[in-house]
């Protein structure tokens, strides 16, 4: 499967997940329940998959760095991958913390009372 096809599959699966969540959220009687369903639909995959992707990229860059000991361009690319993975991990931690803060009521409004 090519890179463009994988991107299309990921985008389409994310869109179908969001649409199915919104379709099931219309059965809820209040806006609060709809917001809770949307936040949980976004929060779940980010929290579950994001951390493992960051770790996978750091391991991949470490292996690339080790195997390109004679190639300065490969080492530079591996360092760049590690830096970008760490930046992505920090962004992931901030976004997960924001979702939890908004959803659990630690911020302006309490959207999902059952979420801790």
C-alpha atoms as a PDB file:
ATOM      1  CA  UNK A   1       0.000   0.000   0.000  1.00  0.00           C
ATOM      2  CA  UNK A   2       1.466   3.356  -0.980  1.00  0.00           C
ATOM      3  CA  UNK A   3       1.852   6.321   1.344  1.00  0.00           C
ATOM      4  CA  UNK A   4      -0.951   8.296  -0.336  1.00  0.00           C
ATOM      5  CA  UNK A   5      -3.339   5.353  -0.048  1.00  0.00           C
ATOM      6  CA  UNK A   6      -2.505   4.985   3.652  1.00  0.00           C
ATOM      7  CA  UNK A   7      -3.204   8.681   4.171  1.00  0.00           C
ATOM      8  CA  UNK A   8      -6.552   8.327   2.432  1.00  0.00           C
ATOM      9  CA  UNK A   9      -7.483   5.309   4.537  1.00  0.00           C
ATOM     10  CA  UNK A  10      -6.562   7.124   7.757  1.00  0.00           C
ATOM     11  CA  UNK A  11      -8.478  10.271   6.796  1.00  0.00           C
ATOM     12  CA  UNK A  12     -11.544   8.306   5.728  1.00  0.00           C
ATOM     13  CA  UNK A  13     -11.531   6.180   8.892  1.00  0.00           C
ATOM     14  CA  UNK A  14     -11.196   9.285  11.074  1.00  0.00           C
ATOM     15  CA  UNK A  15     -14.055  10.951   9.202  1.00  0.00           C
ATOM     16  CA  UNK A  16     -16.259   7.871   9.535  1.00  0.00           C
ATOM     17  CA  UNK A  17     -15.501   7.653  13.265  1.00  0.00           C
ATOM     18  CA  UNK A  18     -16.427  11.297  13.749  1.00  0.00           C
ATOM     19  CA  UNK A  19     -19.589  10.990  11.641  1.00  0.00           C
ATOM     20  CA  UNK A  20     -20.733   7.865  13.476  1.00  0.00           C
ATOM     21  CA  UNK A  21     -20.096   9.611  16.783  1.00  0.00           C
ATOM     22  CA  UNK A  22     -22.074  12.644  15.682  1.00  0.00           C
ATOM     23  CA  UNK A  23     -24.876  10.427  14.393  1.00  0.00           C
ATOM     24  CA  UNK A  24     -25.101   8.611  17.707  1.00  0.00           C
ATOM     25  CA  UNK A  25     -24.785  11.917  19.572  1.00  0.00           C
ATOM     26  CA  UNK A  26     -27.955  13.224  17.926  1.00  0.00           C
ATOM     27  CA  UNK A  27     -29.884  10.650  19.936  1.00  0.00           C
ATOM     28  CA  UNK A  28     -28.776  12.406  23.127  1.00  0.00           C
ATOM     29  CA  UNK A  29     -31.194  15.037  24.386  1.00  0.00           C
ATOM     30  CA  UNK A  30     -28.746  17.782  25.294  1.00  0.00           C
ATOM     31  CA  UNK A  31     -25.856  19.707  23.827  1.00  0.00           C
ATOM     32  CA  UNK A  32     -23.727  18.654  26.793  1.00  0.00           C
ATOM     33  CA  UNK A  33     -24.087  14.987  25.853  1.00  0.00           C
ATOM     34  CA  UNK A  34     -23.245  15.760  22.229  1.00  0.00           C
ATOM     35  CA  UNK A  35     -20.102  17.658  23.261  1.00  0.00           C
ATOM     36  CA  UNK A  36     -19.164  14.813  25.570  1.00  0.00           C
ATOM     37  CA  UNK A  37     -19.521  12.251  22.774  1.00  0.00           C
ATOM     38  CA  UNK A  38     -17.417  14.332  20.369  1.00  0.00           C
ATOM     39  CA  UNK A  39     -14.699  14.988  22.959  1.00  0.00           C
ATOM     40  CA  UNK A  40     -14.516  11.328  23.905  1.00  0.00           C
ATOM     41  CA  UNK A  41     -14.377  10.307  20.221  1.00  0.00           C
ATOM     42  CA  UNK A  42     -11.372  12.569  19.721  1.00  0.00           C
ATOM     43  CA  UNK A  43      -9.731  11.869  23.087  1.00  0.00           C
ATOM     44  CA  UNK A  44      -9.777   8.081  22.885  1.00  0.00           C
ATOM     45  CA  UNK A  45      -7.710   7.559  19.723  1.00  0.00           C
ATOM     46  CA  UNK A  46      -5.307  10.378  20.598  1.00  0.00           C
ATOM     47  CA  UNK A  47      -4.589   8.943  24.030  1.00  0.00           C
ATOM     48  CA  UNK A  48      -4.376   5.323  22.851  1.00  0.00           C
ATOM     49  CA  UNK A  49      -2.410   5.590  19.622  1.00  0.00           C
ATOM     50  CA  UNK A  50      -0.430   8.796  20.008  1.00  0.00           C
ATOM     51  CA  UNK A  51       1.971   7.683  22.714  1.00  0.00           C
ATOM     52  CA  UNK A  52       2.863   4.473  20.929  1.00  0.00           C
ATOM     53  CA  UNK A  53       3.520   6.391  17.703  1.00  0.00           C
ATOM     54  CA  UNK A  54       5.887   8.762  19.495  1.00  0.00           C
ATOM     55  CA  UNK A  55       7.761   5.835  21.034  1.00  0.00           C
ATOM     56  CA  UNK A  56       7.875   4.007  17.702  1.00  0.00           C
ATOM     57  CA  UNK A  57       9.347   7.038  15.939  1.00  0.00           C
ATOM     58  CA  UNK A  58      12.018   7.492  18.608  1.00  0.00           C
ATOM     59  CA  UNK A  59      13.017   3.819  18.336  1.00  0.00           C
ATOM     60  CA  UNK A  60      13.032   4.048  14.528  1.00  0.00           C
ATOM     61  CA  UNK A  61      15.250   7.138  14.624  1.00  0.00           C
ATOM     62  CA  UNK A  62      17.596   5.469  17.120  1.00  0.00           C
ATOM     63  CA  UNK A  63      18.000   2.442  14.860  1.00  0.00           C
ATOM     64  CA  UNK A  64      18.495   4.736  11.868  1.00  0.00           C
ATOM     65  CA  UNK A  65      21.145   6.685  13.797  1.00  0.00           C
ATOM     66  CA  UNK A  66      23.023   3.505  14.732  1.00  0.00           C
ATOM     67  CA  UNK A  67      22.959   2.045  11.230  1.00  0.00           C
ATOM     68  CA  UNK A  68      24.051   5.282   9.557  1.00  0.00           C
ATOM     69  CA  UNK A  69      27.266   5.661  11.549  1.00  0.00           C
ATOM     70  CA  UNK A  70      29.291   6.363   8.387  1.00  0.00           C
ATOM     71  CA  UNK A  71      26.724   8.650   6.797  1.00  0.00           C
ATOM     72  CA  UNK A  72      26.531  12.158   8.310  1.00  0.00           C
ATOM     73  CA  UNK A  73      23.339  12.900   6.357  1.00  0.00           C
ATOM     74  CA  UNK A  74      21.605   9.855   7.839  1.00  0.00           C
ATOM     75  CA  UNK A  75      22.657  10.807  11.357  1.00  0.00           C
ATOM     76  CA  UNK A  76      21.370  14.335  10.814  1.00  0.00           C
ATOM     77  CA  UNK A  77      18.048  12.983   9.553  1.00  0.00           C
ATOM     78  CA  UNK A  78      17.793  10.623  12.546  1.00  0.00           C
ATOM     79  CA  UNK A  79      18.422  13.508  14.951  1.00  0.00           C
ATOM     80  CA  UNK A  80      15.727  15.511  13.190  1.00  0.00           C
ATOM     81  CA  UNK A  81      13.263  12.619  13.523  1.00  0.00           C
ATOM     82  CA  UNK A  82      14.001  12.310  17.250  1.00  0.00           C
ATOM     83  CA  UNK A  83      13.545  16.054  17.825  1.00  0.00           C
ATOM     84  CA  UNK A  84      10.280  16.064  15.889  1.00  0.00           C
ATOM     85  CA  UNK A  85       9.032  12.987  17.771  1.00  0.00           C
ATOM     86  CA  UNK A  86       9.770  14.652  21.103  1.00  0.00           C
ATOM     87  CA  UNK A  87       7.990  17.838  20.000  1.00  0.00           C
ATOM     88  CA  UNK A  88       5.039  15.700  18.869  1.00  0.00           C
ATOM     89  CA  UNK A  89       5.031  13.937  22.238  1.00  0.00           C
ATOM     90  CA  UNK A  90       4.906  17.250  24.075  1.00  0.00           C
ATOM     91  CA  UNK A  91       2.029  18.422  21.855  1.00  0.00           C
ATOM     92  CA  UNK A  92       0.279  15.100  22.511  1.00  0.00           C
ATOM     93  CA  UNK A  93       0.653  15.458  26.283  1.00  0.00           C
ATOM     94  CA  UNK A  94      -0.670  19.022  26.182  1.00  0.00           C
ATOM     95  CA  UNK A  95      -3.670  18.074  24.024  1.00  0.00           C
ATOM     96  CA  UNK A  96      -4.568  15.084  26.214  1.00  0.00           C
ATOM     97  CA  UNK A  97      -4.264  17.255  29.325  1.00  0.00           C
ATOM     98  CA  UNK A  98      -6.522  19.888  27.751  1.00  0.00           C
ATOM     99  CA  UNK A  99      -9.132  17.287  26.793  1.00  0.00           C
ATOM    100  CA  UNK A 100      -9.115  15.883  30.315  1.00  0.00           C
ATOM    101  CA  UNK A 101      -9.275  19.345  31.881  1.00  0.00           C
ATOM    102  CA  UNK A 102     -12.184  20.445  29.700  1.00  0.00           C
ATOM    103  CA  UNK A 103     -14.112  17.181  29.915  1.00  0.00           C
ATOM    104  CA  UNK A 104     -13.730  16.525  33.625  1.00  0.00           C
ATOM    105  CA  UNK A 105     -14.864  19.950  34.723  1.00  0.00           C
ATOM    106  CA  UNK A 106     -11.552  21.360  35.832  1.00  0.00           C
ATOM    107  CA  UNK A 107     -11.959  24.256  33.435  1.00  0.00           C
ATOM    108  CA  UNK A 108     -14.827  26.608  32.584  1.00  0.00           C
ATOM    109  CA  UNK A 109     -17.632  24.084  32.204  1.00  0.00           C
ATOM    110  CA  UNK A 110     -18.179  20.465  33.086  1.00  0.00           C
ATOM    111  CA  UNK A 111     -18.862  18.588  29.848  1.00  0.00           C
ATOM    112  CA  UNK A 112     -18.395  14.907  30.691  1.00  0.00           C
ATOM    113  CA  UNK A 113     -19.081  14.249  34.355  1.00  0.00           C
ATOM    114  CA  UNK A 114     -18.047  10.582  34.201  1.00  0.00           C
ATOM    115  CA  UNK A 115     -14.588  11.225  32.762  1.00  0.00           C
ATOM    116  CA  UNK A 116     -11.677  11.314  35.182  1.00  0.00           C
END
